[in-house]
Amino acid sequence: MSMTATTSLNTARQSYQQHGLISLWGRLRYREPGAYEAWLHERDMTIITATLMRLSERQLNRLGLSRKTLAIDVEDLALRAEREAAIGREVLELVRDNSSENHAIAAE
């Protein structure tokens, strides 16, 4: 067996052990990284929406959601979370850069 085939087999085994059969199937079916990530995102959004559909309308209203627009609301929540994470990363980067500048000034 070639080194590449062995590495592929080990990666598939590790994926199966960590994430189960569905993850292994997704990785094999969508070998391109972008396609797999898109499939994973779609699967996660479907699972989240299905889980929230189990709540009553009253419970959804407490969360600021509605059964009529739940799929759209879940996508909006995911986009908001991505934007906030990006802002958080930028703030941490600015603080890190500012901190290193302050240390350089103090050293002078």
C-alpha atoms as a PDB file:
ATOM      1  CA  MET A   1       0.000   0.000   0.000  1.00  0.00           C
ATOM      2  CA  SER A   2       1.391   3.423  -0.895  1.00  0.00           C
ATOM      3  CA  MET A   3       2.096   6.111   1.694  1.00  0.00           C
ATOM      4  CA  THR A   4      -0.759   8.300   0.381  1.00  0.00           C
ATOM      5  CA  ALA A   5      -3.261   5.444   0.550  1.00  0.00           C
ATOM      6  CA  THR A   6      -2.164   4.605   4.095  1.00  0.00           C
ATOM      7  CA  THR A   7      -2.504   8.231   5.153  1.00  0.00           C
ATOM      8  CA  SER A   8      -5.958   8.414   3.563  1.00  0.00           C
ATOM      9  CA  LEU A   9      -7.056   5.241   5.312  1.00  0.00           C
ATOM     10  CA  ASN A  10      -5.781   6.493   8.673  1.00  0.00           C
ATOM     11  CA  THR A  11      -7.572   9.830   8.180  1.00  0.00           C
ATOM     12  CA  ALA A  12     -10.823   8.033   7.322  1.00  0.00           C
ATOM     13  CA  ARG A  13     -10.519   5.818  10.415  1.00  0.00           C
ATOM     14  CA  GLN A  14      -9.802   8.788  12.637  1.00  0.00           C
ATOM     15  CA  SER A  15     -12.766  10.714  11.179  1.00  0.00           C
ATOM     16  CA  TYR A  16     -15.068   7.735  11.740  1.00  0.00           C
ATOM     17  CA  GLN A  17     -13.869   7.293  15.339  1.00  0.00           C
ATOM     18  CA  GLN A  18     -14.276  10.982  16.168  1.00  0.00           C
ATOM     19  CA  HIS A  19     -17.467  11.880  14.299  1.00  0.00           C
ATOM     20  CA  GLY A  20     -19.193   8.664  13.308  1.00  0.00           C
ATOM     21  CA  LEU A  21     -20.417   7.225  10.069  1.00  0.00           C
ATOM     22  CA  ILE A  22     -22.253  10.330   8.811  1.00  0.00           C
ATOM     23  CA  SER A  23     -19.073  12.414   8.961  1.00  0.00           C
ATOM     24  CA  LEU A  24     -17.101   9.734   7.150  1.00  0.00           C
ATOM     25  CA  TRP A  25     -19.762   9.580   4.450  1.00  0.00           C
ATOM     26  CA  GLY A  26     -19.731  13.366   4.098  1.00  0.00           C
ATOM     27  CA  ARG A  27     -15.959  13.500   3.804  1.00  0.00           C
ATOM     28  CA  LEU A  28     -15.907  10.775   1.169  1.00  0.00           C
ATOM     29  CA  ARG A  29     -18.818  12.169  -0.845  1.00  0.00           C
ATOM     30  CA  TYR A  30     -17.659  15.785  -0.737  1.00  0.00           C
ATOM     31  CA  ARG A  31     -13.913  15.474  -1.112  1.00  0.00           C
ATOM     32  CA  GLU A  32     -13.445  19.118  -2.031  1.00  0.00           C
ATOM     33  CA  PRO A  33     -13.022  21.138   1.181  1.00  0.00           C
ATOM     34  CA  GLY A  34     -15.510  23.820   0.135  1.00  0.00           C
ATOM     35  CA  ALA A  35     -18.177  21.298  -0.848  1.00  0.00           C
ATOM     36  CA  TYR A  36     -17.805  19.407   2.420  1.00  0.00           C
ATOM     37  CA  GLU A  37     -18.013  22.603   4.485  1.00  0.00           C
ATOM     38  CA  ALA A  38     -21.148  23.688   2.586  1.00  0.00           C
ATOM     39  CA  TRP A  39     -22.742  20.284   3.178  1.00  0.00           C
ATOM     40  CA  LEU A  40     -21.781  20.399   6.849  1.00  0.00           C
ATOM     41  CA  HIS A  41     -23.250  23.890   7.239  1.00  0.00           C
ATOM     42  CA  GLU A  42     -26.497  22.867   5.551  1.00  0.00           C
ATOM     43  CA  ARG A  43     -26.754  19.726   7.697  1.00  0.00           C
ATOM     44  CA  ASP A  44     -26.151  21.688  10.903  1.00  0.00           C
ATOM     45  CA  MET A  45     -28.739  24.335   9.997  1.00  0.00           C
ATOM     46  CA  THR A  46     -31.288  21.585   9.263  1.00  0.00           C
ATOM     47  CA  ILE A  47     -30.616  19.861  12.587  1.00  0.00           C
ATOM     48  CA  ILE A  48     -30.827  23.132  14.533  1.00  0.00           C
ATOM     49  CA  THR A  49     -34.082  24.076  12.797  1.00  0.00           C
ATOM     50  CA  ALA A  50     -35.586  20.626  13.411  1.00  0.00           C
ATOM     51  CA  THR A  51     -34.616  20.817  17.080  1.00  0.00           C
ATOM     52  CA  LEU A  52     -36.196  24.244  17.477  1.00  0.00           C
ATOM     53  CA  MET A  53     -39.351  23.018  15.698  1.00  0.00           C
ATOM     54  CA  ARG A  54     -39.942  20.764  18.718  1.00  0.00           C
ATOM     55  CA  LEU A  55     -40.556  23.834  20.865  1.00  0.00           C
ATOM     56  CA  SER A  56     -44.027  25.306  21.226  1.00  0.00           C
ATOM     57  CA  GLU A  57     -44.868  28.668  19.652  1.00  0.00           C
ATOM     58  CA  ARG A  58     -44.809  30.234  23.133  1.00  0.00           C
ATOM     59  CA  GLN A  59     -41.294  28.912  23.769  1.00  0.00           C
ATOM     60  CA  LEU A  60     -40.125  30.120  20.360  1.00  0.00           C
ATOM     61  CA  ASN A  61     -41.605  33.564  21.048  1.00  0.00           C
ATOM     62  CA  ARG A  62     -39.567  33.755  24.274  1.00  0.00           C
ATOM     63  CA  LEU A  63     -36.476  33.347  22.114  1.00  0.00           C
ATOM     64  CA  GLY A  64     -37.686  35.983  19.654  1.00  0.00           C
ATOM     65  CA  LEU A  65     -38.426  33.358  16.996  1.00  0.00           C
ATOM     66  CA  SER A  66     -41.528  32.249  15.142  1.00  0.00           C
ATOM     67  CA  ARG A  67     -42.399  28.898  13.652  1.00  0.00           C
ATOM     68  CA  LYS A  68     -43.395  30.613  10.378  1.00  0.00           C
ATOM     69  CA  THR A  69     -39.942  32.075   9.803  1.00  0.00           C
ATOM     70  CA  LEU A  70     -37.809  29.624  11.774  1.00  0.00           C
ATOM     71  CA  ALA A  71     -35.522  28.541   8.922  1.00  0.00           C
ATOM     72  CA  ILE A  72     -34.774  32.164   8.021  1.00  0.00           C
ATOM     73  CA  ASP A  73     -34.288  33.071  11.687  1.00  0.00           C
ATOM     74  CA  VAL A  74     -31.776  30.238  12.190  1.00  0.00           C
ATOM     75  CA  GLU A  75     -29.781  31.375   9.141  1.00  0.00           C
ATOM     76  CA  ASP A  76     -29.836  34.958  10.474  1.00  0.00           C
ATOM     77  CA  LEU A  77     -28.605  33.758  13.867  1.00  0.00           C
ATOM     78  CA  ALA A  78     -25.755  31.845  12.204  1.00  0.00           C
ATOM     79  CA  LEU A  79     -24.751  34.882  10.130  1.00  0.00           C
ATOM     80  CA  ARG A  80     -24.857  37.111  13.209  1.00  0.00           C
ATOM     81  CA  ALA A  81     -22.690  34.642  15.132  1.00  0.00           C
ATOM     82  CA  GLU A  82     -20.155  34.568  12.271  1.00  0.00           C
ATOM     83  CA  ARG A  83     -20.045  38.389  12.130  1.00  0.00           C
ATOM     84  CA  GLU A  84     -19.603  38.664  15.904  1.00  0.00           C
ATOM     85  CA  ALA A  85     -16.843  36.050  15.849  1.00  0.00           C
ATOM     86  CA  ALA A  86     -15.050  37.973  13.088  1.00  0.00           C
ATOM     87  CA  ILE A  87     -15.353  41.211  15.066  1.00  0.00           C
ATOM     88  CA  GLY A  88     -14.039  39.427  18.162  1.00  0.00           C
ATOM     89  CA  ARG A  89     -11.026  38.136  16.235  1.00  0.00           C
ATOM     90  CA  GLU A  90     -10.318  41.635  14.885  1.00  0.00           C
ATOM     91  CA  VAL A  91     -10.547  43.179  18.368  1.00  0.00           C
ATOM     92  CA  LEU A  92      -8.187  40.561  19.799  1.00  0.00           C
ATOM     93  CA  GLU A  93      -5.760  41.202  16.955  1.00  0.00           C
ATOM     94  CA  LEU A  94      -5.864  44.966  17.587  1.00  0.00           C
ATOM     95  CA  VAL A  95      -5.315  44.463  21.310  1.00  0.00           C
ATOM     96  CA  ARG A  96      -2.447  42.063  20.631  1.00  0.00           C
ATOM     97  CA  ASP A  97      -0.828  44.532  18.186  1.00  0.00           C
ATOM     98  CA  ASN A  98      -1.349  47.441  20.568  1.00  0.00           C
ATOM     99  CA  SER A  99       0.112  45.438  23.443  1.00  0.00           C
ATOM    100  CA  SER A 100       3.265  44.606  21.482  1.00  0.00           C
ATOM    101  CA  GLU A 101       3.680  48.300  20.528  1.00  0.00           C
ATOM    102  CA  ASN A 102       3.397  49.338  24.176  1.00  0.00           C
ATOM    103  CA  HIS A 103       6.094  46.839  25.153  1.00  0.00           C
ATOM    104  CA  ALA A 104       8.375  48.178  22.410  1.00  0.00           C
ATOM    105  CA  ILE A 105       7.888  51.772  23.618  1.00  0.00           C
ATOM    106  CA  ALA A 106       8.502  50.803  27.246  1.00  0.00           C
ATOM    107  CA  ALA A 107      11.712  49.001  26.261  1.00  0.00           C
ATOM    108  CA  GLU A 108      13.088  52.160  24.639  1.00  0.00           C
END
